Amino acid sequence: MQGLLITLVVVSGLILLAVFGFLIWFSLPVFFSESNQVFSFTWRPEQGHFGILAMVLGTILLASISASLAFVIAIGLNSFCLLSRQRWLVCSLQSMLKFMAAIPTVVYGLAALFILLPLLRNTFQLGSGYSLFAAICMLVLLILPVICIILDNITRPLWQQHSLSAQALGLSPEQTYLYVILPHCKVNICGAALLGFNRAIGDTMLPLMLAGNATQLPSGVFDAIRSLTAHIALVIATDQGSQAYNSLFAAGIILLMSSACISILSRYLVGRTRLAAAK
């Protein structure tokens, strides 16, 4: 069994290195080509402009706002689950979050198409409804259960361990959560936030269905944007072998490097926590 596990680890590592090598091999000519400047904000393939910076900025905005909102809501839900005395309500909420984590992404997209977008378009008169705001709303619902489940797994054992001691010292449950539980696991909480951010960056279906796919710099949350993942899906579906197609390798290496950096940072934080605990 140990030999099988080592073999699987080696094969997985080789596959990952092969993916990195493939993207680097095909993206380097794109980065250093004078006639195909991808580091610009202009995407007009018919005029020979293949800049992807507007899509990079759109991806960063979408992931940052979605992860921040989901994290704040997750902290609130986590505190409610630990402090509430209505155990039936807490169990119902946790069951709903676990159910939400199992819902496919396309279901969120379809629900937004028939509920959220008509509401933005007809009720609030906010253009077509396809916007950064619509994608953010659904991405928050997508990554919220993941962050909530991670926070619950982190904070509940600490609550069971320290709540009685804190109560004996005269701390209220709210003070125990704010001044004992959260500071004790702040590194793990940062890891949960990074995981949510990484999940938001890598999602394709919701930005593709809801964000409007306009290659522009947004001036507000109700403007349309195009993310890197949606850009890859759209270009692959419509074009192959052209300069526009070659820009996909640049987008792919940026996404892969972002995910790799976030994973390395998460592992560093966890390793530092274990080292501090050992001391």
Protein backbone atom coordinates (compact mmCIF):
# COMPACT_ATOMS: atom_id res chain seq x y z
CA MET A 1 0.00 0.00 0.00
CA GLN A 2 2.84 2.39 0.83
CA GLY A 3 4.47 1.71 -2.54
CA LEU A 4 1.16 2.39 -4.29
CA LEU A 5 0.74 5.70 -2.48
CA ILE A 6 4.29 6.76 -3.36
CA THR A 7 3.67 5.83 -7.00
CA LEU A 8 0.46 7.87 -7.08
CA VAL A 9 2.25 10.87 -5.54
CA VAL A 10 5.07 10.65 -8.09
CA VAL A 11 2.64 10.29 -11.01
CA SER A 12 0.57 13.24 -9.77
CA GLY A 13 3.70 15.37 -9.43
CA LEU A 14 4.86 14.46 -12.93
CA ILE A 15 1.45 15.30 -14.39
CA LEU A 16 1.48 18.67 -12.63
CA LEU A 17 5.00 19.41 -13.88
CA ALA A 18 3.92 18.39 -17.39
CA VAL A 19 1.01 20.84 -17.25
CA PHE A 20 3.34 23.61 -16.09
CA GLY A 21 5.84 22.76 -18.79
CA PHE A 22 3.17 22.67 -21.49
CA LEU A 23 1.78 26.07 -20.57
CA ILE A 24 5.21 27.66 -20.19
CA TRP A 25 6.41 26.24 -23.53
CA PHE A 26 3.44 27.67 -25.44
CA SER A 27 3.06 30.91 -23.46
CA LEU A 28 6.66 32.19 -23.62
CA PRO A 29 6.46 33.03 -27.35
CA VAL A 30 3.20 34.86 -26.67
CA PHE A 31 4.71 36.93 -23.86
CA PHE A 32 7.82 37.94 -25.80
CA SER A 33 6.30 38.45 -29.24
CA GLU A 34 6.48 42.07 -30.38
CA SER A 35 3.50 41.68 -32.69
CA ASN A 36 1.25 40.07 -30.07
CA GLN A 37 1.33 42.19 -26.93
CA VAL A 38 -0.87 40.54 -24.35
CA PHE A 39 0.01 43.04 -21.63
CA SER A 40 -2.41 45.73 -22.76
CA PHE A 41 -6.02 46.64 -22.02
CA THR A 42 -7.21 46.42 -25.62
CA TRP A 43 -8.83 43.25 -26.94
CA ARG A 44 -9.79 43.73 -30.59
CA PRO A 45 -8.75 40.60 -32.51
CA GLU A 46 -10.02 41.99 -35.81
CA GLN A 47 -7.55 44.89 -35.45
CA GLY A 48 -4.65 42.80 -34.17
CA HIS A 49 -4.95 43.76 -30.49
CA PHE A 50 -4.87 40.84 -28.08
CA GLY A 51 -4.46 42.43 -24.64
CA ILE A 52 -5.77 40.46 -21.66
CA LEU A 53 -5.09 42.94 -18.83
CA ALA A 54 -8.74 44.02 -18.71
CA MET A 55 -9.68 40.37 -18.14
CA VAL A 56 -6.96 39.99 -15.48
CA LEU A 57 -8.34 43.02 -13.65
CA GLY A 58 -11.90 41.74 -14.01
CA THR A 59 -10.87 38.38 -12.55
CA ILE A 60 -9.12 40.02 -9.59
CA LEU A 61 -12.11 42.28 -8.87
CA LEU A 62 -14.59 39.43 -9.14
CA ALA A 63 -12.61 37.05 -6.94
CA SER A 64 -11.59 39.66 -4.35
CA ILE A 65 -15.06 41.12 -3.80
CA SER A 66 -16.76 37.70 -3.81
CA ALA A 67 -14.27 36.14 -1.39
CA SER A 68 -14.39 39.17 0.94
CA LEU A 69 -18.19 39.20 1.12
CA ALA A 70 -18.38 35.42 1.54
CA PHE A 71 -15.75 35.53 4.30
CA VAL A 72 -17.57 38.24 6.27
CA ILE A 73 -20.88 36.37 5.97
CA ALA A 74 -19.17 33.10 6.93
CA ILE A 75 -17.73 34.67 10.10
CA GLY A 76 -21.21 35.88 11.03
CA LEU A 77 -22.78 32.47 10.40
CA ASN A 78 -20.00 30.72 12.28
CA SER A 79 -20.47 32.94 15.33
CA PHE A 80 -24.23 32.35 15.19
CA CYS A 81 -23.76 28.57 15.06
CA LEU A 82 -21.46 28.63 18.08
CA LEU A 83 -23.35 31.16 20.20
CA SER A 84 -26.98 30.39 19.42
CA ARG A 85 -28.99 28.36 21.88
CA GLN A 86 -31.52 27.37 19.22
CA ARG A 87 -29.85 24.08 18.35
CA TRP A 88 -32.57 23.08 15.89
CA LEU A 89 -31.95 26.29 13.94
CA VAL A 90 -28.19 25.72 13.97
CA CYS A 91 -28.60 22.14 12.73
CA SER A 92 -30.95 23.30 9.98
CA LEU A 93 -28.49 26.01 8.90
CA GLN A 94 -25.55 23.60 8.84
CA SER A 95 -27.55 21.07 6.84
CA MET A 96 -28.51 23.77 4.34
CA LEU A 97 -24.87 24.84 3.95
CA LYS A 98 -23.77 21.28 3.32
CA PHE A 99 -26.54 20.91 0.75
CA MET A 100 -25.46 24.16 -0.94
CA ALA A 101 -21.89 22.84 -1.19
CA ALA A 102 -23.16 19.91 -3.27
CA ILE A 103 -25.15 22.02 -5.76
CA PRO A 104 -23.50 22.16 -9.23
CA THR A 105 -22.27 25.55 -10.39
CA VAL A 106 -24.54 25.55 -13.44
CA VAL A 107 -27.59 25.35 -11.17
CA TYR A 108 -26.61 28.63 -9.54
CA GLY A 109 -26.15 30.11 -12.99
CA LEU A 110 -29.55 28.97 -14.20
CA ALA A 111 -31.23 30.27 -11.04
CA ALA A 112 -29.61 33.66 -11.60
CA LEU A 113 -30.70 33.73 -15.24
CA PHE A 114 -34.36 33.28 -14.32
CA ILE A 115 -34.47 35.17 -10.99
CA LEU A 116 -31.61 37.60 -10.42
CA LEU A 117 -31.08 38.95 -13.94
CA PRO A 118 -34.78 39.76 -14.59
CA LEU A 119 -34.86 41.46 -11.19
CA LEU A 120 -31.88 43.66 -12.08
CA ARG A 121 -33.13 44.31 -15.62
CA ASN A 122 -36.84 44.89 -15.10
CA THR A 123 -37.29 45.92 -11.47
CA PHE A 124 -34.18 48.03 -10.84
CA GLN A 125 -33.60 49.07 -14.49
CA LEU A 126 -29.87 48.22 -14.35
CA GLY A 127 -29.24 47.53 -18.02
CA SER A 128 -29.32 43.96 -19.22
CA GLY A 129 -28.50 42.57 -15.78
CA TYR A 130 -25.37 40.80 -17.02
CA SER A 131 -22.77 42.42 -14.82
CA LEU A 132 -20.02 42.09 -12.27
CA PHE A 133 -22.67 42.41 -9.55
CA ALA A 134 -24.66 39.41 -10.77
CA ALA A 135 -21.56 37.22 -10.93
CA ILE A 136 -20.49 38.36 -7.45
CA CYS A 137 -23.88 37.45 -5.94
CA MET A 138 -23.75 33.91 -7.27
CA LEU A 139 -20.05 33.40 -6.50
CA VAL A 140 -20.70 34.39 -2.89
CA LEU A 141 -23.34 31.65 -2.68
CA LEU A 142 -20.94 29.23 -4.35
CA ILE A 143 -17.95 29.69 -2.04
CA LEU A 144 -19.84 30.54 1.17
CA PRO A 145 -20.57 26.88 2.17
CA VAL A 146 -16.93 25.89 1.71
CA ILE A 147 -15.66 28.68 3.96
CA CYS A 148 -18.40 28.04 6.53
CA ILE A 149 -17.62 24.34 6.77
CA ILE A 150 -13.88 25.01 7.17
CA LEU A 151 -14.49 27.65 9.85
CA ASP A 152 -16.81 25.31 11.74
CA ASN A 153 -14.23 22.51 11.69
CA ILE A 154 -11.63 24.97 13.03
CA THR A 155 -13.58 26.86 15.67
CA ARG A 156 -15.90 24.23 17.14
CA PRO A 157 -13.16 22.13 18.82
CA LEU A 158 -11.62 25.32 20.21
CA TRP A 159 -15.01 26.43 21.52
CA GLN A 160 -15.53 23.12 23.28
CA GLN A 161 -12.04 23.38 24.74
CA HIS A 162 -12.02 26.99 25.97
CA SER A 163 -15.63 28.04 26.51
CA LEU A 164 -15.91 26.79 30.11
CA SER A 165 -12.57 28.34 31.09
CA ALA A 166 -13.53 31.66 29.55
CA GLN A 167 -16.91 31.56 31.29
CA ALA A 168 -15.16 30.92 34.61
CA LEU A 169 -13.06 34.05 34.00
CA GLY A 170 -16.22 36.09 33.50
CA LEU A 171 -16.16 36.40 29.70
CA SER A 172 -19.44 36.45 27.84
CA PRO A 173 -19.90 34.05 24.90
CA GLU A 174 -19.44 36.95 22.48
CA GLN A 175 -16.20 38.00 24.18
CA THR A 176 -14.99 34.42 24.17
CA TYR A 177 -15.53 34.18 20.44
CA LEU A 178 -13.91 37.54 19.65
CA TYR A 179 -10.96 37.50 22.05
CA VAL A 180 -10.22 33.80 22.53
CA ILE A 181 -11.44 31.70 19.58
CA LEU A 182 -10.68 33.97 16.61
CA PRO A 183 -7.16 35.03 17.70
CA HIS A 184 -6.28 31.41 18.50
CA CYS A 185 -7.00 30.24 14.94
CA LYS A 186 -6.34 33.38 12.88
CA VAL A 187 -3.85 31.61 10.59
CA ASN A 188 -6.35 28.85 9.80
CA ILE A 189 -9.01 31.48 9.17
CA CYS A 190 -6.69 33.19 6.69
CA GLY A 191 -6.27 29.81 5.00
CA ALA A 192 -10.05 29.48 4.67
CA ALA A 193 -10.23 32.95 3.11
CA LEU A 194 -7.45 32.05 0.65
CA LEU A 195 -9.28 28.86 -0.30
CA GLY A 196 -12.42 30.87 -1.02
CA PHE A 197 -10.42 33.34 -3.12
CA ASN A 198 -8.81 30.49 -5.05
CA ARG A 199 -12.23 28.93 -5.67
CA ALA A 200 -13.57 32.23 -6.97
CA ILE A 201 -10.62 32.71 -9.35
CA GLY A 202 -10.97 29.24 -10.83
CA ASP A 203 -14.72 29.21 -11.45
CA THR A 204 -15.73 29.34 -15.12
CA MET A 205 -19.46 28.80 -15.40
CA LEU A 206 -20.79 31.71 -13.32
CA PRO A 207 -18.62 34.46 -14.90
CA LEU A 208 -19.36 32.98 -18.33
CA MET A 209 -23.13 32.97 -17.78
CA LEU A 210 -23.61 36.16 -15.73
CA ALA A 211 -20.76 38.66 -16.07
CA GLY A 212 -21.60 39.84 -19.61
CA ASN A 213 -18.20 38.90 -21.14
CA ALA A 214 -17.34 42.46 -22.19
CA THR A 215 -13.59 43.04 -22.54
CA GLN A 216 -13.54 46.38 -20.76
CA LEU A 217 -12.43 48.04 -17.55
CA PRO A 218 -15.50 48.27 -15.31
CA SER A 219 -16.40 51.66 -13.87
CA GLY A 220 -18.85 50.12 -11.39
CA VAL A 221 -20.22 46.82 -10.16
CA PHE A 222 -23.10 46.97 -12.63
CA ASP A 223 -20.81 46.99 -15.67
CA ALA A 224 -20.11 43.86 -17.67
CA ILE A 225 -16.69 42.21 -17.43
CA ARG A 226 -14.92 39.14 -18.77
CA SER A 227 -12.87 36.88 -16.51
CA LEU A 228 -9.85 34.88 -17.64
CA THR A 229 -11.68 31.58 -17.23
CA ALA A 230 -14.65 32.79 -19.29
CA HIS A 231 -12.22 34.16 -21.89
CA ILE A 232 -10.59 30.76 -22.26
CA ALA A 233 -13.96 29.04 -22.65
CA LEU A 234 -15.21 31.55 -25.23
CA VAL A 235 -12.11 31.57 -27.42
CA ILE A 236 -11.72 27.79 -27.40
CA ALA A 237 -15.38 27.47 -28.46
CA THR A 238 -15.04 29.89 -31.39
CA ASP A 239 -11.45 29.94 -32.64
CA GLN A 240 -8.37 27.73 -32.95
CA GLY A 241 -4.88 28.28 -34.24
CA SER A 242 -5.03 32.10 -34.45
CA GLN A 243 -3.26 34.77 -32.41
CA ALA A 244 -6.39 35.08 -30.27
CA TYR A 245 -6.10 31.37 -29.54
CA ASN A 246 -2.44 31.81 -28.56
CA SER A 247 -3.44 34.35 -25.91
CA LEU A 248 -5.15 31.51 -24.04
CA PHE A 249 -1.79 30.12 -23.02
CA ALA A 250 -0.91 33.43 -21.37
CA ALA A 251 -4.24 33.42 -19.55
CA GLY A 252 -3.73 29.80 -18.52
CA ILE A 253 -0.26 30.35 -17.08
CA ILE A 254 -1.50 33.37 -15.11
CA LEU A 255 -4.35 31.34 -13.61
CA LEU A 256 -2.12 28.36 -12.86
CA MET A 257 0.57 30.50 -11.24
CA SER A 258 -2.06 32.28 -9.14
CA SER A 259 -3.48 28.99 -7.88
CA ALA A 260 0.01 27.64 -7.20
CA CYS A 261 1.01 30.75 -5.22
CA ILE A 262 -2.17 30.61 -3.14
CA SER A 263 -1.65 26.90 -2.42
CA ILE A 264 1.99 27.47 -1.41
CA LEU A 265 0.98 30.35 0.85
CA SER A 266 -1.73 28.24 2.48
CA ARG A 267 0.71 25.40 3.14
CA TYR A 268 3.24 27.87 4.54
CA LEU A 269 0.67 29.25 6.98
CA VAL A 270 -0.37 25.75 8.08
CA GLY A 271 3.27 24.71 8.49
CA ARG A 272 4.03 27.78 10.57
CA THR A 273 1.04 27.05 12.78
CA ARG A 274 2.20 23.47 13.38
CA LEU A 275 5.72 24.67 14.14
CA ALA A 276 4.43 27.19 16.65
CA ALA A 277 2.24 24.53 18.27
CA ALA A 278 5.21 22.15 18.54
CA LYS A 279 7.25 24.79 20.35
